[in-house]
Amino acid sequence: MLYYLDSSALVKLYIREVGTDKMLEMAGRKSGHQLTVLALAQVEIRSAFRKRQRAGDIGNRLAEELRAAFQRHSESRFVRQPLTDTVLDLACELLDRHKLTSFDAVQLAGYFAVKAATGAVPVLVSADQDMLLAARAENIPVLDPSMP
């Protein structure tokens, strides 16, 4: 199965939250699933780690270990979709159609780029309710790892 992970789902692979167990099961190599992320995810995931670090939820060393683990996975486990002008143009269109933040619109546009590049229909994995609502309106199959 091909999955496209937005940052709200991706962070669950590194920081224990509701949905972490489901994400770890899905991402396990034995599952045989292919996981795709937008190149922008490196900015969003680092932001999530640093936010937790600054709030005192995780220590400096753990934040650095998580960042390094994500970098390793970016190079070996995740298929990275480049951020292109086409993705940005589609993100602008999605902002006109849906209640999304700018980064969420770019993430959703990245989904369509993966779909076009692979010829497959990935499942969008997100815990962001606005993202899921927009994806459903676009007839995208979705999975919310935080739901039972």
Protein backbone atom coordinates (compact mmCIF):
# COMPACT_ATOMS: atom_id res chain seq x y z
CA MET A 1 0.00 0.00 0.00
CA LEU A 2 1.19 3.53 -0.79
CA TYR A 3 0.75 6.11 1.97
CA TYR A 4 1.35 9.86 1.85
CA LEU A 5 2.16 11.20 5.32
CA ASP A 6 1.57 14.78 6.29
CA SER A 7 3.49 16.19 9.22
CA SER A 8 0.72 15.66 11.77
CA ALA A 9 0.99 11.93 11.08
CA LEU A 10 4.74 11.86 10.55
CA VAL A 11 5.53 13.34 13.96
CA LYS A 12 3.73 10.39 15.57
CA LEU A 13 6.59 8.16 14.40
CA TYR A 14 9.00 10.09 16.60
CA ILE A 15 7.04 11.52 19.52
CA ARG A 16 4.55 9.43 21.46
CA GLU A 17 1.03 10.74 20.83
CA VAL A 18 -2.39 9.29 20.24
CA GLY A 19 -1.94 7.31 17.04
CA THR A 20 1.75 6.51 17.48
CA ASP A 21 1.15 2.76 17.72
CA LYS A 22 -0.88 2.76 14.50
CA MET A 23 1.82 4.78 12.71
CA LEU A 24 4.63 2.51 13.93
CA GLU A 25 2.72 -0.55 12.73
CA MET A 26 2.09 1.03 9.32
CA ALA A 27 5.69 2.21 8.95
CA GLY A 28 7.32 -1.06 9.98
CA ARG A 29 9.45 -2.54 7.21
CA LYS A 30 7.63 -5.86 7.56
CA SER A 31 4.38 -4.15 6.59
CA GLY A 32 5.66 -3.73 3.03
CA HIS A 33 4.04 -0.29 2.80
CA GLN A 34 5.64 2.49 0.80
CA LEU A 35 5.69 5.82 2.64
CA THR A 36 5.90 9.13 0.82
CA VAL A 37 6.45 12.60 2.22
CA LEU A 38 6.76 16.04 0.72
CA ALA A 39 10.27 17.54 0.91
CA LEU A 40 8.70 20.33 2.98
CA ALA A 41 8.18 17.79 5.77
CA GLN A 42 11.78 18.30 6.87
CA VAL A 43 10.91 21.87 7.87
CA GLU A 44 7.63 20.96 9.53
CA ILE A 45 9.03 18.01 11.47
CA ARG A 46 11.99 20.02 12.74
CA SER A 47 9.55 22.75 13.79
CA ALA A 48 7.54 20.16 15.75
CA PHE A 49 10.67 18.85 17.48
CA ARG A 50 11.93 22.32 18.37
CA LYS A 51 8.50 23.41 19.60
CA ARG A 52 8.39 20.42 21.97
CA GLN A 53 11.98 21.11 23.04
CA ARG A 54 11.28 24.78 23.81
CA ALA A 55 8.16 23.82 25.76
CA GLY A 56 10.27 21.45 27.89
CA ASP A 57 8.42 18.34 26.68
CA ILE A 58 11.64 16.82 25.32
CA GLY A 59 15.28 17.51 26.16
CA ASN A 60 17.96 18.95 23.91
CA ARG A 61 19.64 15.61 23.33
CA LEU A 62 16.39 13.85 22.47
CA ALA A 63 15.44 16.64 20.07
CA GLU A 64 18.75 16.16 18.27
CA GLU A 65 18.35 12.36 18.23
CA LEU A 66 14.86 12.71 16.75
CA ARG A 67 16.13 15.12 14.10
CA ALA A 68 18.92 12.70 13.17
CA ALA A 69 16.51 9.75 13.06
CA PHE A 70 14.17 11.66 10.75
CA GLN A 71 17.12 12.55 8.50
CA ARG A 72 18.14 8.88 8.27
CA HIS A 73 14.58 7.84 7.46
CA SER A 74 14.31 10.60 4.84
CA GLU A 75 17.28 9.11 3.08
CA SER A 76 16.37 5.44 3.46
CA ARG A 77 12.72 4.82 4.33
CA PHE A 78 10.62 7.64 2.90
CA VAL A 79 10.14 8.46 -0.75
CA ARG A 80 10.44 12.25 -0.92
CA GLN A 81 8.28 14.25 -3.30
CA PRO A 82 10.12 17.41 -4.38
CA LEU A 83 8.57 20.80 -3.76
CA THR A 84 8.04 22.23 -7.24
CA ASP A 85 6.36 25.24 -8.81
CA THR A 86 3.55 22.92 -9.89
CA VAL A 87 2.97 21.90 -6.27
CA LEU A 88 2.95 25.55 -5.19
CA ASP A 89 0.53 26.54 -7.96
CA LEU A 90 -1.86 23.76 -6.98
CA ALA A 91 -1.53 24.75 -3.31
CA CYS A 92 -2.80 28.22 -4.24
CA GLU A 93 -5.81 26.69 -5.96
CA LEU A 94 -6.50 24.46 -2.94
CA LEU A 95 -6.46 27.53 -0.67
CA ASP A 96 -9.27 28.96 -2.78
CA ARG A 97 -11.35 25.80 -2.36
CA HIS A 98 -10.67 24.75 1.25
CA LYS A 99 -10.07 26.09 4.75
CA LEU A 100 -6.38 25.22 4.98
CA THR A 101 -3.21 26.79 6.31
CA SER A 102 -0.57 27.58 3.72
CA PHE A 103 1.59 24.60 4.73
CA ASP A 104 -1.43 22.28 4.73
CA ALA A 105 -2.34 23.41 1.22
CA VAL A 106 1.22 22.71 0.09
CA GLN A 107 1.08 19.29 1.77
CA LEU A 108 -2.21 18.46 0.04
CA ALA A 109 -0.80 19.61 -3.29
CA GLY A 110 2.16 17.31 -2.63
CA TYR A 111 -0.29 14.43 -2.38
CA PHE A 112 -1.49 15.13 -5.92
CA ALA A 113 2.11 15.31 -7.14
CA VAL A 114 2.80 11.87 -5.67
CA LYS A 115 -0.36 10.54 -7.27
CA ALA A 116 0.66 11.94 -10.66
CA ALA A 117 4.25 10.70 -10.36
CA THR A 118 3.35 7.15 -9.31
CA GLY A 119 0.09 6.59 -11.17
CA ALA A 120 -1.21 5.11 -7.91
CA VAL A 121 -3.80 6.41 -5.47
CA PRO A 122 -2.02 6.89 -2.16
CA VAL A 123 -3.86 7.02 1.13
CA LEU A 124 -3.35 10.40 2.79
CA VAL A 125 -2.43 9.93 6.44
CA SER A 126 -3.14 12.91 8.66
CA ALA A 127 -4.40 13.79 12.12
CA ASP A 128 -5.26 17.34 11.05
CA GLN A 129 -9.04 17.63 10.83
CA ASP A 130 -9.04 20.53 8.33
CA MET A 131 -6.65 18.57 6.11
CA LEU A 132 -8.84 15.47 6.32
CA LEU A 133 -11.96 17.47 5.50
CA ALA A 134 -10.30 19.02 2.43
CA ALA A 135 -8.93 15.65 1.33
CA ARG A 136 -12.33 14.01 1.59
CA ALA A 137 -13.83 16.85 -0.46
CA GLU A 138 -11.17 16.10 -3.11
CA ASN A 139 -12.16 12.38 -3.04
CA ILE A 140 -8.83 11.34 -1.53
CA PRO A 141 -8.75 8.17 0.58
CA VAL A 142 -7.70 9.14 4.09
CA LEU A 143 -6.52 7.56 7.32
CA ASP A 144 -6.51 9.38 10.66
CA PRO A 145 -4.06 7.48 12.86
CA SER A 146 -5.45 9.13 15.99
CA MET A 147 -8.85 7.51 15.49
CA PRO A 148 -9.50 3.99 16.79
